[in-house]
Amino acid sequence: MAIRNRLHISKLDDFKNFLIQKGYEIKEIKDCWEVLRAKKDKDTIIIYSKYEAKEHLSVQDKDRKILKEFLKIKEE
């Protein structure tokens, strides 16, 4: 299940750079709803855009921890 309204669209590039710093490799997106796909070892993070969403992107539950880490850093 995805967590809605967690990552603002304006923060996507910052989150992408954060993942690169954490050792993730940015991969080619595989469907029309994906806006970011990153892989590190066996872990794949996918960020989705929902058709009706105008400001926020969806993140899978399994990726909640790394997103929280990113958001905490951005608040500092």
PDB file of N, CA and C in Angstrom:
ATOM      1  N   MET A   1       0.838  -1.178   0.000  1.00  0.00           N
ATOM      2  CA  MET A   1       0.000   0.000   0.000  1.00  0.00           C
ATOM      3  C   MET A   1       0.886   1.245   0.000  1.00  0.00           C
ATOM      4  N   ALA A   2       0.454   2.265  -0.671  1.00  0.00           N
ATOM      5  CA  ALA A   2       1.230   3.499  -0.777  1.00  0.00           C
ATOM      6  C   ALA A   2       0.756   4.514   0.258  1.00  0.00           C
ATOM      7  N   ILE A   3       1.673   5.353   0.669  1.00  0.00           N
ATOM      8  CA  ILE A   3       1.360   6.460   1.562  1.00  0.00           C
ATOM      9  C   ILE A   3       1.129   7.677   0.678  1.00  0.00           C
ATOM     10  N   ARG A   4      -0.035   8.230   0.727  1.00  0.00           N
ATOM     11  CA  ARG A   4      -0.356   9.384  -0.102  1.00  0.00           C
ATOM     12  C   ARG A   4       0.074  10.678   0.592  1.00  0.00           C
ATOM     13  N   ASN A   5       0.336  11.672  -0.228  1.00  0.00           N
ATOM     14  CA  ASN A   5       0.622  13.020   0.273  1.00  0.00           C
ATOM     15  C   ASN A   5       1.819  13.077   1.225  1.00  0.00           C
ATOM     16  N   ARG A   6       2.854  12.352   0.893  1.00  0.00           N
ATOM     17  CA  ARG A   6       4.022  12.354   1.745  1.00  0.00           C
ATOM     18  C   ARG A   6       5.176  13.157   1.159  1.00  0.00           C
ATOM     19  N   LEU A   7       5.350  13.093  -0.139  1.00  0.00           N
ATOM     20  CA  LEU A   7       6.474  13.782  -0.761  1.00  0.00           C
ATOM     21  C   LEU A   7       5.929  14.833  -1.717  1.00  0.00           C
ATOM     22  N   HIS A   8       6.214  16.085  -1.416  1.00  0.00           N
ATOM     23  CA  HIS A   8       5.746  17.162  -2.289  1.00  0.00           C
ATOM     24  C   HIS A   8       6.521  17.101  -3.603  1.00  0.00           C
ATOM     25  N   ILE A   9       5.838  17.365  -4.692  1.00  0.00           N
ATOM     26  CA  ILE A   9       6.444  17.307  -6.026  1.00  0.00           C
ATOM     27  C   ILE A   9       7.695  18.184  -6.103  1.00  0.00           C
ATOM     28  N   SER A  10       7.679  19.316  -5.452  1.00  0.00           N
ATOM     29  CA  SER A  10       8.821  20.239  -5.501  1.00  0.00           C
ATOM     30  C   SER A  10      10.067  19.661  -4.825  1.00  0.00           C
ATOM     31  N   LYS A  11       9.910  18.617  -4.027  1.00  0.00           N
ATOM     32  CA  LYS A  11      11.033  18.008  -3.310  1.00  0.00           C
ATOM     33  C   LYS A  11      11.601  16.792  -4.038  1.00  0.00           C
ATOM     34  N   LEU A  12      11.062  16.450  -5.202  1.00  0.00           N
ATOM     35  CA  LEU A  12      11.477  15.242  -5.901  1.00  0.00           C
ATOM     36  C   LEU A  12      12.963  15.255  -6.256  1.00  0.00           C
ATOM     37  N   ASP A  13      13.468  16.341  -6.802  1.00  0.00           N
ATOM     38  CA  ASP A  13      14.892  16.410  -7.154  1.00  0.00           C
ATOM     39  C   ASP A  13      15.784  16.317  -5.916  1.00  0.00           C
ATOM     40  N   ASP A  14      15.368  16.947  -4.835  1.00  0.00           N
ATOM     41  CA  ASP A  14      16.138  16.860  -3.587  1.00  0.00           C
ATOM     42  C   ASP A  14      16.158  15.417  -3.071  1.00  0.00           C
ATOM     43  N   PHE A  15      15.015  14.730  -3.153  1.00  0.00           N
ATOM     44  CA  PHE A  15      14.940  13.343  -2.704  1.00  0.00           C
ATOM     45  C   PHE A  15      15.801  12.454  -3.601  1.00  0.00           C
ATOM     46  N   LYS A  16      15.782  12.715  -4.875  1.00  0.00           N
ATOM     47  CA  LYS A  16      16.622  11.962  -5.822  1.00  0.00           C
ATOM     48  C   LYS A  16      18.100  12.123  -5.462  1.00  0.00           C
ATOM     49  N   ASN A  17      18.538  13.342  -5.203  1.00  0.00           N
ATOM     50  CA  ASN A  17      19.929  13.597  -4.812  1.00  0.00           C
ATOM     51  C   ASN A  17      20.266  12.938  -3.472  1.00  0.00           C
ATOM     52  N   PHE A  18      19.320  12.953  -2.550  1.00  0.00           N
ATOM     53  CA  PHE A  18      19.485  12.289  -1.260  1.00  0.00           C
ATOM     54  C   PHE A  18      19.728  10.794  -1.464  1.00  0.00           C
ATOM     55  N   LEU A  19      18.938  10.175  -2.330  1.00  0.00           N
ATOM     56  CA  LEU A  19      19.095   8.741  -2.596  1.00  0.00           C
ATOM     57  C   LEU A  19      20.457   8.446  -3.228  1.00  0.00           C
ATOM     58  N   ILE A  20      20.892   9.290  -4.145  1.00  0.00           N
ATOM     59  CA  ILE A  20      22.199   9.110  -4.780  1.00  0.00           C
ATOM     60  C   ILE A  20      23.295   9.167  -3.713  1.00  0.00           C
ATOM     61  N   GLN A  21      23.195  10.115  -2.783  1.00  0.00           N
ATOM     62  CA  GLN A  21      24.175  10.220  -1.700  1.00  0.00           C
ATOM     63  C   GLN A  21      24.160   8.989  -0.801  1.00  0.00           C
ATOM     64  N   LYS A  22      23.001   8.324  -0.697  1.00  0.00           N
ATOM     65  CA  LYS A  22      22.872   7.114   0.116  1.00  0.00           C
ATOM     66  C   LYS A  22      23.335   5.868  -0.636  1.00  0.00           C
ATOM     67  N   GLY A  23      23.781   6.036  -1.884  1.00  0.00           N
ATOM     68  CA  GLY A  23      24.301   4.909  -2.642  1.00  0.00           C
ATOM     69  C   GLY A  23      23.330   4.270  -3.615  1.00  0.00           C
ATOM     70  N   TYR A  24      22.183   4.894  -3.818  1.00  0.00           N
ATOM     71  CA  TYR A  24      21.200   4.378  -4.769  1.00  0.00           C
ATOM     72  C   TYR A  24      21.575   4.804  -6.181  1.00  0.00           C
ATOM     73  N   GLU A  25      21.229   3.961  -7.126  1.00  0.00           N
ATOM     74  CA  GLU A  25      21.415   4.264  -8.544  1.00  0.00           C
ATOM     75  C   GLU A  25      20.042   4.567  -9.135  1.00  0.00           C
ATOM     76  N   ILE A  26      19.930   5.673  -9.837  1.00  0.00           N
ATOM     77  CA  ILE A  26      18.661   6.042 -10.454  1.00  0.00           C
ATOM     78  C   ILE A  26      18.479   5.186 -11.709  1.00  0.00           C
ATOM     79  N   LYS A  27      17.318   4.568 -11.801  1.00  0.00           N
ATOM     80  CA  LYS A  27      17.006   3.658 -12.904  1.00  0.00           C
ATOM     81  C   LYS A  27      15.924   4.260 -13.798  1.00  0.00           C
ATOM     82  N   GLU A  28      15.770   3.652 -14.957  1.00  0.00           N
ATOM     83  CA  GLU A  28      14.721   4.063 -15.891  1.00  0.00           C
ATOM     84  C   GLU A  28      13.360   3.689 -15.307  1.00  0.00           C
ATOM     85  N   ILE A  29      12.406   4.618 -15.391  1.00  0.00           N
ATOM     86  CA  ILE A  29      11.057   4.320 -14.908  1.00  0.00           C
ATOM     87  C   ILE A  29      10.404   3.314 -15.849  1.00  0.00           C
ATOM     88  N   LYS A  30       9.476   2.504 -15.290  1.00  0.00           N
ATOM     89  CA  LYS A  30       8.924   1.399 -16.061  1.00  0.00           C
ATOM     90  C   LYS A  30       7.443   1.516 -16.377  1.00  0.00           C
ATOM     91  N   ASP A  31       6.747   2.464 -15.806  1.00  0.00           N
ATOM     92  CA  ASP A  31       5.349   2.670 -16.211  1.00  0.00           C
ATOM     93  C   ASP A  31       4.991   4.149 -16.116  1.00  0.00           C
ATOM     94  N   CYS A  32       3.848   4.484 -16.651  1.00  0.00           N
ATOM     95  CA  CYS A  32       3.480   5.902 -16.785  1.00  0.00           C
ATOM     96  C   CYS A  32       3.223   6.598 -15.449  1.00  0.00           C
ATOM     97  N   TRP A  33       3.003   5.855 -14.370  1.00  0.00           N
ATOM     98  CA  TRP A  33       2.729   6.472 -13.073  1.00  0.00           C
ATOM     99  C   TRP A  33       3.994   6.697 -12.245  1.00  0.00           C
ATOM    100  N   GLU A  34       5.083   6.088 -12.638  1.00  0.00           N
ATOM    101  CA  GLU A  34       6.332   6.262 -11.903  1.00  0.00           C
ATOM    102  C   GLU A  34       6.988   7.600 -12.252  1.00  0.00           C
ATOM    103  N   VAL A  35       7.537   8.253 -11.239  1.00  0.00           N
ATOM    104  CA  VAL A  35       8.301   9.476 -11.477  1.00  0.00           C
ATOM    105  C   VAL A  35       9.755   9.307 -11.057  1.00  0.00           C
ATOM    106  N   LEU A  36      10.019   8.271 -10.255  1.00  0.00           N
ATOM    107  CA  LEU A  36      11.388   7.996  -9.812  1.00  0.00           C
ATOM    108  C   LEU A  36      11.505   6.519  -9.457  1.00  0.00           C
ATOM    109  N   ARG A  37      12.589   5.914  -9.914  1.00  0.00           N
ATOM    110  CA  ARG A  37      12.932   4.535  -9.557  1.00  0.00           C
ATOM    111  C   ARG A  37      14.409   4.531  -9.205  1.00  0.00           C
ATOM    112  N   ALA A  38      14.723   4.045  -8.012  1.00  0.00           N
ATOM    113  CA  ALA A  38      16.109   3.985  -7.554  1.00  0.00           C
ATOM    114  C   ALA A  38      16.376   2.607  -6.969  1.00  0.00           C
ATOM    115  N   LYS A  39      17.598   2.115  -7.165  1.00  0.00           N
ATOM    116  CA  LYS A  39      17.938   0.768  -6.702  1.00  0.00           C
ATOM    117  C   LYS A  39      19.289   0.767  -6.009  1.00  0.00           C
ATOM    118  N   LYS A  40      19.339   0.028  -4.898  1.00  0.00           N
ATOM    119  CA  LYS A  40      20.586  -0.191  -4.163  1.00  0.00           C
ATOM    120  C   LYS A  40      20.543  -1.636  -3.674  1.00  0.00           C
ATOM    121  N   ASP A  41      21.486  -2.422  -4.155  1.00  0.00           N
ATOM    122  CA  ASP A  41      21.501  -3.851  -3.846  1.00  0.00           C
ATOM    123  C   ASP A  41      20.149  -4.461  -4.253  1.00  0.00           C
ATOM    124  N   LYS A  42      19.424  -5.042  -3.303  1.00  0.00           N
ATOM    125  CA  LYS A  42      18.128  -5.653  -3.622  1.00  0.00           C
ATOM    126  C   LYS A  42      16.948  -4.729  -3.330  1.00  0.00           C
ATOM    127  N   ASP A  43      17.223  -3.535  -2.849  1.00  0.00           N
ATOM    128  CA  ASP A  43      16.167  -2.583  -2.494  1.00  0.00           C
ATOM    129  C   ASP A  43      15.856  -1.664  -3.672  1.00  0.00           C
ATOM    130  N   THR A  44      14.586  -1.596  -4.037  1.00  0.00           N
ATOM    131  CA  THR A  44      14.139  -0.683  -5.085  1.00  0.00           C
ATOM    132  C   THR A  44      13.111   0.266  -4.495  1.00  0.00           C
ATOM    133  N   ILE A  45      13.321   1.545  -4.689  1.00  0.00           N
ATOM    134  CA  ILE A  45      12.383   2.579  -4.251  1.00  0.00           C
ATOM    135  C   ILE A  45      11.703   3.136  -5.493  1.00  0.00           C
ATOM    136  N   ILE A  46      10.377   3.172  -5.448  1.00  0.00           N
ATOM    137  CA  ILE A  46       9.603   3.717  -6.567  1.00  0.00           C
ATOM    138  C   ILE A  46       8.679   4.797  -6.027  1.00  0.00           C
ATOM    139  N   ILE A  47       8.720   5.958  -6.655  1.00  0.00           N
ATOM    140  CA  ILE A  47       7.833   7.065  -6.311  1.00  0.00           C
ATOM    141  C   ILE A  47       6.822   7.197  -7.444  1.00  0.00           C
ATOM    142  N   TYR A  48       5.547   7.294  -7.064  1.00  0.00           N
ATOM    143  CA  TYR A  48       4.464   7.321  -8.034  1.00  0.00           C
ATOM    144  C   TYR A  48       3.747   8.668  -8.038  1.00  0.00           C
ATOM    145  N   SER A  49       3.179   8.992  -9.180  1.00  0.00           N
ATOM    146  CA  SER A  49       2.308  10.149  -9.307  1.00  0.00           C
ATOM    147  C   SER A  49       0.897   9.632  -9.559  1.00  0.00           C
ATOM    148  N   LYS A  50      -0.037  10.091  -8.766  1.00  0.00           N
ATOM    149  CA  LYS A  50      -1.434   9.713  -8.955  1.00  0.00           C
ATOM    150  C   LYS A  50      -2.080  10.739  -9.887  1.00  0.00           C
ATOM    151  N   TYR A  51      -2.945  10.280 -10.751  1.00  0.00           N
ATOM    152  CA  TYR A  51      -3.551  11.139 -11.765  1.00  0.00           C
ATOM    153  C   TYR A  51      -4.162  12.408 -11.175  1.00  0.00           C
ATOM    154  N   GLU A  52      -4.914  12.285 -10.096  1.00  0.00           N
ATOM    155  CA  GLU A  52      -5.592  13.454  -9.518  1.00  0.00           C
ATOM    156  C   GLU A  52      -4.684  14.312  -8.645  1.00  0.00           C
ATOM    157  N   ALA A  53      -3.556  13.775  -8.250  1.00  0.00           N
ATOM    158  CA  ALA A  53      -2.665  14.495  -7.334  1.00  0.00           C
ATOM    159  C   ALA A  53      -1.992  15.660  -8.049  1.00  0.00           C
ATOM    160  N   LYS A  54      -2.083  16.815  -7.459  1.00  0.00           N
ATOM    161  CA  LYS A  54      -1.492  18.000  -8.060  1.00  0.00           C
ATOM    162  C   LYS A  54      -0.222  18.451  -7.336  1.00  0.00           C
ATOM    163  N   GLU A  55      -0.069  18.055  -6.074  1.00  0.00           N
ATOM    164  CA  GLU A  55       1.053  18.553  -5.286  1.00  0.00           C
ATOM    165  C   GLU A  55       1.919  17.474  -4.656  1.00  0.00           C
ATOM    166  N   HIS A  56       1.396  16.270  -4.478  1.00  0.00           N
ATOM    167  CA  HIS A  56       2.119  15.248  -3.738  1.00  0.00           C
ATOM    168  C   HIS A  56       2.279  13.960  -4.523  1.00  0.00           C
ATOM    169  N   LEU A  57       3.313  13.216  -4.133  1.00  0.00           N
ATOM    170  CA  LEU A  57       3.622  11.943  -4.759  1.00  0.00           C
ATOM    171  C   LEU A  57       3.417  10.821  -3.746  1.00  0.00           C
ATOM    172  N   SER A  58       3.213   9.624  -4.254  1.00  0.00           N
ATOM    173  CA  SER A  58       2.967   8.459  -3.406  1.00  0.00           C
ATOM    174  C   SER A  58       4.244   7.657  -3.203  1.00  0.00           C
ATOM    175  N   VAL A  59       4.380   7.142  -1.993  1.00  0.00           N
ATOM    176  CA  VAL A  59       5.546   6.363  -1.615  1.00  0.00           C
ATOM    177  C   VAL A  59       5.052   5.042  -1.028  1.00  0.00           C
ATOM    178  N   GLN A  60       5.701   3.946  -1.369  1.00  0.00           N
ATOM    179  CA  GLN A  60       5.305   2.654  -0.829  1.00  0.00           C
ATOM    180  C   GLN A  60       5.589   2.594   0.669  1.00  0.00           C
ATOM    181  N   ASP A  61       4.775   1.811   1.394  1.00  0.00           N
ATOM    182  CA  ASP A  61       4.953   1.670   2.838  1.00  0.00           C
ATOM    183  C   ASP A  61       6.365   1.238   3.208  1.00  0.00           C
ATOM    184  N   LYS A  62       6.936   0.327   2.434  1.00  0.00           N
ATOM    185  CA  LYS A  62       8.265  -0.197   2.759  1.00  0.00           C
ATOM    186  C   LYS A  62       9.342   0.881   2.714  1.00  0.00           C
ATOM    187  N   ASP A  63       9.072   1.993   2.036  1.00  0.00           N
ATOM    188  CA  ASP A  63      10.046   3.075   1.895  1.00  0.00           C
ATOM    189  C   ASP A  63       9.799   4.226   2.860  1.00  0.00           C
ATOM    190  N   ARG A  64       8.899   4.037   3.781  1.00  0.00           N
ATOM    191  CA  ARG A  64       8.542   5.086   4.735  1.00  0.00           C
ATOM    192  C   ARG A  64       9.751   5.543   5.559  1.00  0.00           C
ATOM    193  N   LYS A  65      10.599   4.599   5.968  1.00  0.00           N
ATOM    194  CA  LYS A  65      11.731   4.936   6.832  1.00  0.00           C
ATOM    195  C   LYS A  65      12.708   5.884   6.134  1.00  0.00           C
ATOM    196  N   ILE A  66      13.067   5.588   4.901  1.00  0.00           N
ATOM    197  CA  ILE A  66      14.032   6.447   4.201  1.00  0.00           C
ATOM    198  C   ILE A  66      13.413   7.798   3.867  1.00  0.00           C
ATOM    199  N   LEU A  67      12.111   7.825   3.601  1.00  0.00           N
ATOM    200  CA  LEU A  67      11.445   9.098   3.350  1.00  0.00           C
ATOM    201  C   LEU A  67      11.437   9.955   4.619  1.00  0.00           C
ATOM    202  N   LYS A  68      11.157   9.330   5.753  1.00  0.00           N
ATOM    203  CA  LYS A  68      11.180  10.076   7.021  1.00  0.00           C
ATOM    204  C   LYS A  68      12.567  10.647   7.294  1.00  0.00           C
ATOM    205  N   GLU A  69      13.595   9.861   6.991  1.00  0.00           N
ATOM    206  CA  GLU A  69      14.974  10.343   7.166  1.00  0.00           C
ATOM    207  C   GLU A  69      15.217  11.571   6.284  1.00  0.00           C
ATOM    208  N   PHE A  70      14.784  11.522   5.054  1.00  0.00           N
ATOM    209  CA  PHE A  70      14.929  12.647   4.136  1.00  0.00           C
ATOM    210  C   PHE A  70      14.185  13.875   4.657  1.00  0.00           C
ATOM    211  N   LEU A  71      12.930  13.690   5.061  1.00  0.00           N
ATOM    212  CA  LEU A  71      12.118  14.814   5.528  1.00  0.00           C
ATOM    213  C   LEU A  71      12.710  15.436   6.798  1.00  0.00           C
ATOM    214  N   LYS A  72      13.265  14.611   7.658  1.00  0.00           N
ATOM    215  CA  LYS A  72      13.884  15.124   8.892  1.00  0.00           C
ATOM    216  C   LYS A  72      15.084  16.004   8.555  1.00  0.00           C
ATOM    217  N   ILE A  73      15.906  15.572   7.623  1.00  0.00           N
ATOM    218  CA  ILE A  73      17.067  16.348   7.198  1.00  0.00           C
ATOM    219  C   ILE A  73      16.631  17.678   6.576  1.00  0.00           C
ATOM    220  N   LYS A  74      15.568  17.640   5.769  1.00  0.00           N
ATOM    221  CA  LYS A  74      15.081  18.858   5.106  1.00  0.00           C
ATOM    222  C   LYS A  74      14.541  19.870   6.102  1.00  0.00           C
ATOM    223  N   GLU A  75      14.038  19.394   7.243  1.00  0.00           N
ATOM    224  CA  GLU A  75      13.497  20.300   8.258  1.00  0.00           C
ATOM    225  C   GLU A  75      14.593  21.016   9.027  1.00  0.00           C
ATOM    226  N   GLU A  76      15.766  20.428   9.093  1.00  0.00           N
ATOM    227  CA  GLU A  76      16.866  20.998   9.884  1.00  0.00           C
ATOM    228  C   GLU A  76      17.450  22.227   9.257  1.00  0.00           C
TER     229      GLU A  76
END
